[in-house]
Amino acid sequence: MLIQSSILIGITGFSLVIGSTCIYLAHRLSCQRQILSALNMELAAAFQCLQDQNTLPSPSSPAEGKAEPDRGPVEDRAGSYSHVAALTRRGMDAEAIAEILDVSPNIAKQMITLSEVARKHQKT
């Protein structure tokens, strides 16, 4: 009888540990999903801003051989680079940003450089 009681107590304790772990993991997963949702919204806004500024070539017409229109002074475009700067602050490198924005790594590097220039220009 004593052995059955100790086994029952052990199983109950193990069940409590498993249940607590599941609750903790569910909470962490919920937090990560909220962060992912916020990042997806930020990325969508950045992508839309880049498309609005004609920074990204449209899929139907490649940008090769076409003159780019004058987009005005840097002050007007500085906001579009803030999204790229936000991605770099989150630890993304040029290759990751290129993959997300569906551009070449060289263009992503240029966008990162331009975002740094725009940030410095805004400070002055």
Protein backbone atom coordinates (compact mmCIF):
# COMPACT_ATOMS: atom_id res chain seq x y z
CA MET A 1 0.00 0.00 0.00
CA LEU A 2 2.88 2.35 0.85
CA ILE A 3 4.55 1.66 -2.51
CA GLN A 4 1.33 2.45 -4.41
CA SER A 5 0.93 5.73 -2.51
CA SER A 6 4.49 6.82 -3.25
CA ILE A 7 4.08 5.91 -6.91
CA LEU A 8 0.84 7.92 -7.03
CA ILE A 9 2.55 10.91 -5.39
CA GLY A 10 5.45 10.64 -7.86
CA ILE A 11 3.10 10.51 -10.84
CA THR A 12 1.13 13.47 -9.49
CA GLY A 13 4.32 15.51 -9.00
CA PHE A 14 5.54 14.61 -12.47
CA SER A 15 2.16 15.61 -13.92
CA LEU A 16 2.36 18.98 -12.16
CA VAL A 17 5.83 19.60 -13.60
CA ILE A 18 4.69 18.66 -17.09
CA GLY A 19 1.54 20.81 -16.77
CA SER A 20 3.49 23.83 -15.50
CA THR A 21 6.01 23.46 -18.31
CA CYS A 22 3.23 23.32 -20.90
CA ILE A 23 1.60 26.46 -19.47
CA TYR A 24 4.94 28.29 -19.47
CA LEU A 25 5.71 27.24 -23.05
CA ALA A 26 2.23 28.27 -24.20
CA HIS A 27 2.76 31.70 -22.65
CA ARG A 28 6.20 32.08 -24.29
CA LEU A 29 4.77 30.98 -27.64
CA SER A 30 2.01 33.58 -27.32
CA CYS A 31 4.60 36.29 -26.61
CA GLN A 32 6.72 35.23 -29.58
CA ARG A 33 3.67 35.24 -31.85
CA GLN A 34 2.87 38.81 -30.77
CA ILE A 35 6.44 39.88 -31.54
CA LEU A 36 6.30 38.11 -34.90
CA SER A 37 3.01 39.81 -35.73
CA ALA A 38 4.46 43.24 -34.90
CA LEU A 39 7.55 42.52 -37.00
CA ASN A 40 5.41 41.36 -39.92
CA MET A 41 3.39 44.59 -39.75
CA GLU A 42 6.60 46.65 -39.61
CA LEU A 43 8.05 44.72 -42.53
CA ALA A 44 4.88 45.17 -44.58
CA ALA A 45 4.97 48.91 -43.88
CA ALA A 46 8.65 49.07 -44.86
CA PHE A 47 8.04 47.15 -48.05
CA GLN A 48 5.06 49.36 -48.95
CA CYS A 49 7.11 52.48 -48.25
CA LEU A 50 9.92 51.24 -50.46
CA GLN A 51 7.48 50.44 -53.24
CA ASP A 52 5.86 53.87 -52.89
CA GLN A 53 9.28 55.50 -53.18
CA ASN A 54 10.06 53.40 -56.27
CA THR A 55 13.16 52.08 -54.51
CA LEU A 56 12.33 48.51 -55.43
CA PRO A 57 11.93 47.53 -59.08
CA SER A 58 8.47 46.31 -59.94
CA PRO A 59 8.28 42.65 -61.00
CA SER A 60 6.76 43.52 -64.38
CA SER A 61 9.40 46.04 -65.42
CA PRO A 62 13.07 45.57 -64.59
CA ALA A 63 14.91 48.73 -63.67
CA GLU A 64 17.86 48.02 -65.95
CA GLY A 65 18.45 50.63 -68.61
CA LYS A 66 15.85 53.06 -67.25
CA ALA A 67 16.69 56.40 -65.77
CA GLU A 68 15.47 56.77 -62.24
CA PRO A 69 13.28 59.81 -61.58
CA ASP A 70 14.50 62.51 -59.23
CA ARG A 71 12.96 61.70 -55.87
CA GLY A 72 13.71 64.99 -54.21
CA PRO A 73 16.03 65.88 -51.35
CA VAL A 74 17.21 63.39 -48.77
CA GLU A 75 14.89 64.87 -46.13
CA ASP A 76 11.87 63.65 -48.11
CA ARG A 77 13.21 60.11 -48.42
CA ALA A 78 14.75 59.72 -44.96
CA GLY A 79 11.62 58.06 -43.58
CA SER A 80 11.77 55.23 -46.11
CA TYR A 81 15.19 54.20 -44.86
CA SER A 82 14.06 54.12 -41.23
CA HIS A 83 12.43 50.75 -41.88
CA VAL A 84 15.68 49.28 -43.18
CA ALA A 85 17.48 50.81 -40.20
CA ALA A 86 14.94 49.18 -37.87
CA LEU A 87 15.68 45.79 -39.41
CA THR A 88 19.43 46.30 -38.97
CA ARG A 89 18.89 47.33 -35.33
CA ARG A 90 17.12 44.01 -34.85
CA GLY A 91 20.33 42.27 -35.87
CA MET A 92 19.57 41.48 -39.50
CA ASP A 93 22.43 41.58 -41.97
CA ALA A 94 22.25 42.61 -45.62
CA GLU A 95 21.60 39.06 -46.81
CA ALA A 96 18.61 38.62 -44.47
CA ILE A 97 17.16 41.99 -45.47
CA ALA A 98 17.71 41.14 -49.14
CA GLU A 99 15.82 37.89 -48.69
CA ILE A 100 12.94 39.60 -46.90
CA LEU A 101 12.67 42.45 -49.40
CA ASP A 102 13.34 40.16 -52.37
CA VAL A 103 16.27 42.22 -53.64
CA SER A 104 19.91 41.39 -54.27
CA PRO A 105 22.33 41.55 -51.32
CA ASN A 106 24.14 44.47 -53.00
CA ILE A 107 20.94 46.52 -53.13
CA ALA A 108 20.27 45.64 -49.49
CA LYS A 109 23.79 46.84 -48.58
CA GLN A 110 23.15 50.09 -50.43
CA MET A 111 19.85 50.51 -48.60
CA ILE A 112 21.58 49.97 -45.26
CA THR A 113 24.25 52.52 -46.16
CA LEU A 114 21.61 55.00 -47.31
CA SER A 115 19.63 54.48 -44.12
CA GLU A 116 22.76 55.33 -42.11
CA VAL A 117 23.35 58.42 -44.24
CA ALA A 118 19.73 59.50 -43.86
CA ARG A 119 19.95 59.03 -40.08
CA LYS A 120 23.13 61.13 -39.90
CA HIS A 121 21.60 63.76 -42.18
CA GLN A 122 18.53 64.06 -39.95
CA LYS A 123 20.75 64.74 -36.91
CA THR A 124 22.44 67.72 -38.58
